[in-house]
Protein backbone atom coordinates (compact mmCIF):
# COMPACT_ATOMS: atom_id res chain seq x y z
CA UNK A 1 -41.19 -7.29 -6.00
CA UNK A 2 -38.37 -8.63 -4.00
CA UNK A 3 -36.67 -6.70 -1.71
CA UNK A 4 -33.45 -7.37 -2.89
CA UNK A 5 -34.53 -5.51 -5.87
CA UNK A 6 -35.80 -3.14 -3.95
CA UNK A 7 -32.41 -2.84 -2.41
CA UNK A 8 -30.68 -2.38 -5.87
CA UNK A 9 -32.84 -0.12 -7.12
CA UNK A 10 -32.41 2.18 -4.36
CA UNK A 11 -28.89 1.83 -4.27
CA UNK A 12 -28.59 2.68 -7.83
CA UNK A 13 -30.60 6.01 -7.26
CA UNK A 14 -28.75 7.11 -3.99
CA UNK A 15 -25.25 6.77 -6.60
CA UNK A 16 -27.02 8.64 -9.40
CA UNK A 17 -27.98 11.48 -7.13
CA UNK A 18 -24.51 11.26 -5.35
CA UNK A 19 -22.73 11.43 -8.58
CA UNK A 20 -23.30 15.28 -9.47
CA UNK A 21 -22.82 16.51 -6.25
CA UNK A 22 -19.34 14.26 -5.96
CA UNK A 23 -17.92 15.59 -9.73
CA UNK A 24 -18.96 19.25 -8.17
CA UNK A 25 -16.58 18.95 -5.05
CA UNK A 26 -13.94 16.99 -6.94
CA UNK A 27 -13.77 18.94 -10.06
CA UNK A 28 -14.32 22.78 -9.62
CA UNK A 29 -11.98 25.18 -9.52
CA UNK A 30 -8.77 22.40 -10.02
CA UNK A 31 -6.87 25.62 -11.54
CA UNK A 32 -6.57 27.08 -7.91
CA UNK A 33 -2.92 26.09 -6.73
CA UNK A 34 -3.23 27.18 -3.34
CA UNK A 35 -3.16 23.32 -2.40
CA UNK A 36 -0.12 22.90 -4.87
CA UNK A 37 1.89 20.35 -3.97
CA UNK A 38 5.86 20.22 -4.61
CA UNK A 39 5.71 16.75 -6.33
CA UNK A 40 2.85 17.50 -8.95
CA UNK A 41 5.86 19.84 -11.11
CA UNK A 42 7.58 16.17 -11.90
CA UNK A 43 4.78 14.15 -11.81
CA UNK A 44 3.12 16.34 -14.32
CA UNK A 45 6.15 16.75 -17.09
CA UNK A 46 7.12 13.00 -16.60
CA UNK A 47 4.09 11.69 -16.99
CA UNK A 48 2.99 13.94 -20.38
CA UNK A 49 6.07 12.82 -21.64
CA UNK A 50 5.88 9.11 -21.04
CA UNK A 51 2.21 8.90 -22.22
CA UNK A 52 2.95 10.39 -25.45
CA UNK A 53 5.49 7.97 -25.91
CA UNK A 54 2.82 4.89 -25.12
CA UNK A 55 -0.02 6.03 -26.37
CA UNK A 56 0.79 8.44 -28.96
CA UNK A 57 3.66 7.79 -30.34
CA UNK A 58 4.02 4.09 -29.54
CA UNK A 59 7.55 4.09 -28.83
CA UNK A 60 8.25 1.41 -26.35
CA UNK A 61 12.37 1.77 -26.73
CA UNK A 62 12.82 5.35 -25.90
CA UNK A 63 15.46 6.07 -23.72
CA UNK A 64 13.29 8.23 -21.39
CA UNK A 65 11.82 4.97 -20.34
CA UNK A 66 14.85 3.89 -18.69
CA UNK A 67 15.41 7.40 -17.45
CA UNK A 68 14.47 7.84 -13.03
CA UNK A 69 13.47 11.68 -13.35
CA UNK A 70 14.75 12.03 -9.80
CA UNK A 71 12.78 9.13 -9.02
CA UNK A 72 9.51 9.68 -10.89
CA UNK A 73 10.65 7.83 -13.71
CA UNK A 74 11.77 3.75 -14.05
CA UNK A 75 11.24 3.34 -10.65
CA UNK A 76 7.21 3.80 -10.07
CA UNK A 77 4.69 1.98 -12.94
CA UNK A 78 3.05 3.81 -15.07
CA UNK A 79 -0.93 3.67 -15.16
CA UNK A 80 -1.18 6.57 -12.92
CA UNK A 81 1.26 8.58 -15.11
CA UNK A 82 -0.69 7.50 -17.89
CA UNK A 83 -3.82 9.32 -16.26
CA UNK A 84 -2.24 12.47 -15.99
CA UNK A 85 -0.45 12.42 -18.75
CA UNK A 86 -4.11 12.04 -20.44
CA UNK A 87 -5.18 15.26 -19.03
CA UNK A 88 -1.94 17.15 -19.73
CA UNK A 89 -1.56 16.29 -23.30
CA UNK A 90 -4.29 18.20 -23.90
CA UNK A 91 -2.59 20.96 -24.03
CA UNK A 92 0.50 22.24 -25.97
CA UNK A 93 2.76 22.17 -23.19
CA UNK A 94 5.85 19.94 -23.22
CA UNK A 95 8.07 20.39 -20.54
CA UNK A 96 11.07 19.30 -19.33
CA UNK A 97 11.15 17.28 -16.14
CA UNK A 98 14.39 18.77 -15.05
CA UNK A 99 13.43 22.56 -15.65
CA UNK A 100 10.07 21.89 -13.58
CA UNK A 101 11.88 20.19 -10.51
CA UNK A 102 10.91 21.72 -7.32
CA UNK A 103 13.54 23.19 -5.20
CA UNK A 104 12.90 22.35 -1.92
CA UNK A 105 15.84 23.53 -0.50
CA UNK A 106 13.95 26.80 -1.40
CA UNK A 107 11.01 28.89 -0.70
CA UNK A 108 7.69 27.93 -1.47
CA UNK A 109 7.39 31.69 -3.08
CA UNK A 110 10.27 30.83 -5.13
CA UNK A 111 8.88 28.02 -6.42
CA UNK A 112 5.55 28.71 -7.45
CA UNK A 113 7.06 31.20 -9.65
CA UNK A 114 9.77 29.13 -11.31
CA UNK A 115 9.20 25.31 -10.98
CA UNK A 116 5.32 25.60 -11.45
CA UNK A 117 3.50 24.83 -14.95
CA UNK A 118 0.77 26.89 -15.83
CA UNK A 119 -2.55 26.91 -14.01
CA UNK A 120 -4.24 25.74 -17.15
CA UNK A 121 -2.09 22.70 -17.68
CA UNK A 122 -2.02 21.75 -13.52
CA UNK A 123 -5.33 21.92 -14.02
CA UNK A 124 -6.22 19.42 -17.26
CA UNK A 125 -3.42 17.04 -15.49
CA UNK A 126 -5.80 16.84 -12.16
CA UNK A 127 -8.63 16.04 -14.23
CA UNK A 128 -8.19 12.66 -14.68
CA UNK A 129 -6.95 12.69 -11.07
CA UNK A 130 -10.26 14.10 -9.93
CA UNK A 131 -12.38 11.62 -12.13
CA UNK A 132 -10.52 8.93 -10.37
CA UNK A 133 -11.71 10.70 -7.21
CA UNK A 134 -15.58 10.28 -8.15
CA UNK A 135 -15.35 6.87 -9.14
CA UNK A 136 -13.47 6.09 -5.65
CA UNK A 137 -16.56 7.72 -4.27
CA UNK A 138 -19.13 5.35 -5.77
CA UNK A 139 -16.63 2.28 -5.76
CA UNK A 140 -17.11 2.53 -1.48
CA UNK A 141 -20.27 3.21 -1.55
CA UNK A 142 -21.31 0.25 -3.87
CA UNK A 143 -18.75 -1.99 -1.89
CA UNK A 144 -20.26 -1.22 1.29
CA UNK A 145 -23.67 -1.13 0.10
CA UNK A 146 -22.88 -4.94 -0.96
CA UNK A 147 -22.26 -6.05 2.07
CA UNK A 148 -23.91 -4.08 4.50
CA UNK A 149 -27.08 -1.98 3.21
CA UNK A 150 -27.76 1.27 0.97
CA UNK A 151 -27.70 3.31 4.40
CA UNK A 152 -24.72 1.99 5.72
CA UNK A 153 -23.22 2.32 2.51
CA UNK A 154 -24.24 6.29 2.61
CA UNK A 155 -22.52 6.71 5.95
CA UNK A 156 -19.35 4.95 4.98
CA UNK A 157 -19.32 7.44 2.10
CA UNK A 158 -20.14 10.51 4.46
CA UNK A 159 -17.29 9.81 6.73
CA UNK A 160 -14.85 9.36 4.03
CA UNK A 161 -15.97 12.54 2.23
CA UNK A 162 -15.40 14.54 5.73
CA UNK A 163 -12.12 13.09 6.63
CA UNK A 164 -11.32 15.29 3.47
CA UNK A 165 -7.99 13.18 2.75
CA UNK A 166 -9.23 11.76 -0.63
CA UNK A 167 -11.04 14.89 -1.76
CA UNK A 168 -7.47 16.95 -1.50
CA UNK A 169 -5.26 14.08 -2.71
CA UNK A 170 -7.47 13.47 -6.03
CA UNK A 171 -7.27 17.09 -6.47
CA UNK A 172 -3.81 17.33 -7.26
CA UNK A 173 -1.76 15.64 -9.79
CA UNK A 174 -0.06 12.51 -8.32
CA UNK A 175 -0.46 8.66 -8.28
CA UNK A 176 -2.56 7.97 -4.95
CA UNK A 177 -5.81 8.14 -5.79
CA UNK A 178 -5.80 5.95 -9.37
CA UNK A 179 -4.68 3.37 -6.85
CA UNK A 180 -6.62 3.83 -4.13
CA UNK A 181 -9.80 3.70 -7.00
CA UNK A 182 -8.21 0.80 -9.00
CA UNK A 183 -7.91 -0.95 -5.34
CA UNK A 184 -11.80 -0.31 -4.47
CA UNK A 185 -12.59 -1.65 -7.42
CA UNK A 186 -10.74 -4.82 -7.13
CA UNK A 187 -12.35 -5.84 -3.76
CA UNK A 188 -15.80 -4.94 -5.56
CA UNK A 189 -14.79 -7.60 -7.83
CA UNK A 190 -13.69 -10.18 -5.63
CA UNK A 191 -16.81 -9.71 -3.60
CA UNK A 192 -18.48 -10.78 -6.73
CA UNK A 193 -16.24 -13.60 -7.25
CA UNK A 194 -16.16 -15.37 -4.31
CA UNK A 195 -19.98 -14.88 -4.68
CA UNK A 196 -20.25 -17.07 -7.34
CA UNK A 197 -17.72 -19.15 -6.22
CA UNK A 198 -20.24 -20.26 -3.08
CA UNK A 199 -22.98 -20.52 -5.36
CA UNK A 200 -21.26 -22.87 -7.55
CA UNK A 201 -21.56 -20.32 -10.96
CA UNK A 202 -17.98 -21.51 -12.14
CA UNK A 203 -18.81 -19.37 -15.43
CA UNK A 204 -19.87 -16.36 -13.86
CA UNK A 205 -16.58 -16.49 -11.35
CA UNK A 206 -13.90 -16.96 -14.10
CA UNK A 207 -15.74 -13.75 -15.59
CA UNK A 208 -15.41 -11.88 -12.26
CA UNK A 209 -11.78 -13.07 -11.68
CA UNK A 210 -10.85 -11.51 -15.49
CA UNK A 211 -12.38 -8.46 -14.03
CA UNK A 212 -10.89 -8.54 -10.61
CA UNK A 213 -7.60 -9.16 -12.14
CA UNK A 214 -8.09 -5.84 -14.45
CA UNK A 215 -8.46 -3.79 -11.71
CA UNK A 216 -5.64 -5.67 -9.51
CA UNK A 217 -3.21 -5.37 -12.43
CA UNK A 218 -4.06 -1.52 -12.53
CA UNK A 219 -3.74 -0.97 -8.63
CA UNK A 220 -0.80 -2.34 -8.72
CA UNK A 221 0.19 -0.74 -12.13
CA UNK A 222 -0.58 2.50 -10.23
CA UNK A 223 1.49 2.30 -7.06
CA UNK A 224 3.77 -0.55 -5.74
CA UNK A 225 1.36 -0.41 -1.99
CA UNK A 226 -1.39 -1.78 -4.02
CA UNK A 227 0.52 -4.79 -3.64
CA UNK A 228 -1.40 -5.58 -0.72
CA UNK A 229 -4.62 -5.78 -2.29
CA UNK A 230 -3.27 -8.55 -4.42
CA UNK A 231 -2.45 -10.09 -1.33
CA UNK A 232 -6.07 -9.85 0.07
CA UNK A 233 -7.21 -11.72 -3.51
CA UNK A 234 -5.06 -14.33 -2.95
CA UNK A 235 -5.54 -15.29 0.84
CA UNK A 236 -9.19 -15.19 0.34
CA UNK A 237 -9.74 -17.06 -3.10
CA UNK A 238 -6.70 -19.82 -1.45
CA UNK A 239 -8.94 -19.78 1.57
CA UNK A 240 -12.20 -20.50 -0.38
CA UNK A 241 -10.05 -23.26 -2.03
CA UNK A 242 -9.22 -24.49 0.74
CA UNK A 243 -12.49 -24.90 2.74
CA UNK A 244 -13.92 -26.29 -0.07
CA UNK A 245 -11.85 -29.33 -0.45
CA UNK A 246 -13.42 -31.98 1.14
CA UNK A 247 -17.03 -31.02 0.65
CA UNK A 248 -16.47 -30.40 -3.56
CA UNK A 249 -13.43 -30.99 -5.02
CA UNK A 250 -14.90 -29.23 -8.42
CA UNK A 251 -15.42 -26.01 -6.22
CA UNK A 252 -11.84 -25.82 -4.66
CA UNK A 253 -10.61 -26.27 -8.43
CA UNK A 254 -12.54 -23.42 -9.76
CA UNK A 255 -11.10 -21.29 -6.29
CA UNK A 256 -7.46 -22.37 -7.71
CA UNK A 257 -8.83 -21.55 -11.18
CA UNK A 258 -9.72 -18.42 -10.40
CA UNK A 259 -6.71 -17.33 -8.32
CA UNK A 260 -4.38 -18.07 -10.89
CA UNK A 261 -6.60 -15.71 -13.29
CA UNK A 262 -6.04 -13.25 -10.90
CA UNK A 263 -2.51 -13.48 -10.83
CA UNK A 264 -2.36 -13.89 -14.22
CA UNK A 265 -4.55 -10.69 -15.92
CA UNK A 266 -2.99 -8.40 -12.85
CA UNK A 267 0.23 -9.88 -13.94
CA UNK A 268 -0.28 -9.28 -17.74
CA UNK A 269 -1.77 -5.88 -16.87
CA UNK A 270 1.51 -4.87 -14.78
CA UNK A 271 3.75 -6.01 -17.17
CA UNK A 272 2.04 -4.47 -20.61
CA UNK A 273 2.01 -1.18 -19.26
CA UNK A 274 5.68 -0.55 -18.30
CA UNK A 275 7.83 -0.78 -21.63
CA UNK A 276 10.73 -0.21 -18.92
CA UNK A 277 9.80 -4.06 -17.90
CA UNK A 278 9.90 -5.57 -21.66
CA UNK A 279 13.38 -6.21 -21.98
CA UNK A 280 14.07 -7.47 -18.41
CA UNK A 281 11.37 -8.09 -16.26
CA UNK A 282 12.62 -9.78 -12.99
CA UNK A 283 15.50 -7.11 -13.03
CA UNK A 284 12.94 -4.39 -13.82
CA UNK A 285 10.67 -5.18 -10.88
CA UNK A 286 13.62 -5.36 -8.45
CA UNK A 287 14.71 -1.86 -9.67
CA UNK A 288 11.46 -0.73 -9.08
CA UNK A 289 11.33 -2.19 -5.43
CA UNK A 290 14.70 -0.45 -4.85
CA UNK A 291 12.54 2.66 -4.62
CA UNK A 292 11.33 1.56 -1.01
CA UNK A 293 15.05 1.73 0.06
CA UNK A 294 14.88 5.51 -1.49
CA UNK A 295 12.10 6.43 0.38
CA UNK A 296 13.12 4.88 3.98
CA UNK A 297 16.73 7.27 3.22
CA UNK A 298 14.80 10.37 3.43
CA UNK A 299 14.90 12.09 6.58
CA UNK A 300 11.91 14.33 6.41
CA UNK A 301 9.31 13.27 9.10
CA UNK A 302 11.23 9.74 9.32
CA UNK A 303 9.60 6.87 11.18
CA UNK A 304 11.84 4.25 11.97
CA UNK A 305 10.82 1.91 14.81
CA UNK A 306 7.17 0.13 15.01
CA UNK A 307 6.20 2.23 18.00
CA UNK A 308 6.72 5.47 16.16
CA UNK A 309 4.50 4.00 13.18
CA UNK A 310 1.85 2.72 15.25
CA UNK A 311 1.77 5.81 17.03
CA UNK A 312 1.68 8.10 14.09
CA UNK A 313 -1.03 5.75 12.46
CA UNK A 314 -3.23 6.38 15.95
CA UNK A 315 -2.44 10.27 15.69
CA UNK A 316 -3.43 10.60 12.31
CA UNK A 317 -7.30 8.71 13.11
CA UNK A 318 -8.24 11.84 15.01
CA UNK A 319 -6.60 13.86 12.31
CA UNK A 320 -8.18 13.08 9.26
CA UNK A 321 -11.29 12.28 10.46
CA UNK A 322 -14.71 13.63 9.73
CA UNK A 323 -15.66 14.48 13.59
CA UNK A 324 -12.50 16.62 14.01
CA UNK A 325 -12.92 18.44 11.08
CA UNK A 326 -16.24 19.78 12.46
CA UNK A 327 -14.90 20.56 16.06
CA UNK A 328 -15.97 16.89 17.41
CA UNK A 329 -12.90 14.76 19.17
CA UNK A 330 -14.74 11.96 18.91
CA UNK A 331 -13.76 9.75 15.94
CA UNK A 332 -11.06 7.37 17.95
CA UNK A 333 -14.46 6.48 19.92
CA UNK A 334 -16.24 5.97 17.16
CA UNK A 335 -14.16 3.74 15.24
CA UNK A 336 -13.30 1.74 18.68
CA UNK A 337 -16.87 0.83 18.44
CA UNK A 338 -17.38 -0.29 15.25
CA UNK A 339 -14.49 -2.93 15.80
CA UNK A 340 -16.66 -3.91 19.12
CA UNK A 341 -19.89 -4.02 16.75
CA UNK A 342 -17.86 -6.03 14.35
CA UNK A 343 -16.46 -8.38 16.40
CA UNK A 344 -20.03 -8.87 18.62
CA UNK A 345 -21.78 -9.19 15.42
CA UNK A 346 -19.37 -11.80 14.21
CA UNK A 347 -19.54 -14.13 17.55
CA UNK A 348 -23.58 -13.84 17.15
CA UNK A 349 -23.46 -14.66 13.38
CA UNK A 350 -20.90 -16.91 12.95
CA UNK A 351 -18.64 -17.10 10.28
CA UNK A 352 -21.41 -18.66 8.12
CA UNK A 353 -23.25 -15.64 8.06
CA UNK A 354 -19.81 -13.42 7.26
CA UNK A 355 -18.86 -15.48 4.27
CA UNK A 356 -22.71 -14.82 3.16
CA UNK A 357 -22.34 -11.17 3.09
CA UNK A 358 -19.12 -11.02 2.09
CA UNK A 359 -17.98 -9.36 5.57
CA UNK A 360 -14.89 -12.00 5.84
CA UNK A 361 -13.46 -10.43 2.84
CA UNK A 362 -13.24 -7.01 3.99
CA UNK A 363 -12.15 -7.90 7.40
CA UNK A 364 -9.07 -9.67 5.81
CA UNK A 365 -8.97 -6.57 3.69
CA UNK A 366 -9.02 -4.40 7.01
CA UNK A 367 -6.21 -6.72 8.51
CA UNK A 368 -3.84 -6.80 6.28
CA UNK A 369 -4.39 -2.97 4.95
CA UNK A 370 -3.28 -1.85 9.30
CA UNK A 371 -0.71 -4.75 9.13
CA UNK A 372 0.55 -3.58 6.07
CA UNK A 373 1.17 0.28 6.31
CA UNK A 374 2.55 0.03 10.31
CA UNK A 375 5.29 -2.89 9.30
CA UNK A 376 6.12 -0.33 6.12
CA UNK A 377 5.27 3.32 7.12
CA UNK A 378 8.60 5.49 6.25
CA UNK A 379 7.15 8.47 7.04
CA UNK A 380 4.18 10.40 8.88
CA UNK A 381 3.00 12.20 5.57
CA UNK A 382 -0.69 12.39 4.40
CA UNK A 383 -0.86 10.09 1.82
CA UNK A 384 0.66 6.66 3.05
CA UNK A 385 -2.66 7.07 5.25
CA UNK A 386 -4.56 7.19 2.61
CA UNK A 387 -5.72 3.10 2.10
CA UNK A 388 -6.54 3.23 5.65
CA UNK A 389 -9.30 5.95 5.42
CA UNK A 390 -12.07 3.11 3.73
CA UNK A 391 -11.48 0.72 6.58
CA UNK A 392 -11.71 3.62 9.22
CA UNK A 393 -15.05 5.04 7.38
CA UNK A 394 -16.83 1.23 7.29
CA UNK A 395 -15.70 0.54 10.87
CA UNK A 396 -17.44 4.10 11.78
CA UNK A 397 -20.68 3.50 9.77
CA UNK A 398 -21.05 0.05 11.28
CA UNK A 399 -20.76 1.13 14.42
CA UNK A 400 -23.06 3.94 14.11
CA UNK A 401 -25.37 1.52 12.39
CA UNK A 402 -25.00 -1.04 15.06
CA UNK A 403 -26.18 1.26 17.51
CA UNK A 404 -28.84 3.22 15.64
CA UNK A 405 -30.10 -0.29 14.98
CA UNK A 406 -30.22 -1.48 19.00
CA UNK A 407 -32.05 1.51 19.66
CA UNK A 408 -34.33 0.98 17.12
CA UNK A 409 -35.02 -2.69 18.43
CA UNK A 410 -35.37 -1.48 21.69
CA UNK A 411 -37.64 0.74 20.98
CA UNK A 412 -40.19 -1.18 18.88
CA UNK A 413 -39.91 -3.60 21.84
């Protein structure tokens, strides 16, 4: 049996072994309100209402589609809300968002007694988000294994889980984890898409482009910051087309075709999932983008300058970090080690090797993710750092594997 097939089998078996463990840590005790976040109240009530309108009643013209619901309604994409609503509608709960609006000027004790849905409803609403957290872990392991090996994939996943941010956010009825998960699935689709283009398998590339577009559309249709992932897709495929244009025009045309398929399918998913956009798509999208200005106007823990954002980001690489959580403040050192290792290996092996493995896509993803978050970061809030967690986990795992591989070769010699 070829070595590559053995690696695939080992990777699949590792995923099957991981699944029950991930289900246990993500899905247990979802009715525990000790970690309740005030925004969950509005997410649950708005999501239950809009999911009922979209999926059960098929009512796309109800006035509720045009209500802002304290910025949780028309200014936000819908797919993440549908996931939360999918869980909430399994109960007989129908709460008015105005009655369950968390009062930030009052104490947590008061809010827990007046603005929080019943624990059973909270648990049901959290369940689909927690499932997305499990899928995110398996997807991340899959992605890293595709471009490196299963050992680096396992180590990267351990780093991601050890940082705890994904686990904490996945156990709340909020939209961050679904957007994160769809983004990882988009990257997996991109790895297969680029490999198909590079191997001149146009039919397979088109099929991968459709799946990648679906995942990218779901990501942006959950949270607009996932536009960064779509940008990664566009640059990667356009770059592939430009690199091929002199050697094979057919390959270049296939790449451009796949780029338009990804954009078209993603746009279709984004549009069809949001009835607010049906009558005036461009005006509706502009209305959603204005959410950015509203967020920046919130004075709490605001970051108004580029140095403040860089400082906050660097600080949190040592806060939402696996080794720091066990009392070892070495995460930044290992992160820098990973960056150095990636640069050395890239220099030694050259760009052709990076393209062969798919690491060029990973490099582009890390650069765009960091640049986008640094330029945008409005507040020092934990959930805004979630898109960078897999970047850090990958680099840390890559650095550790590089050191272990070097030591092993040294011992053998």
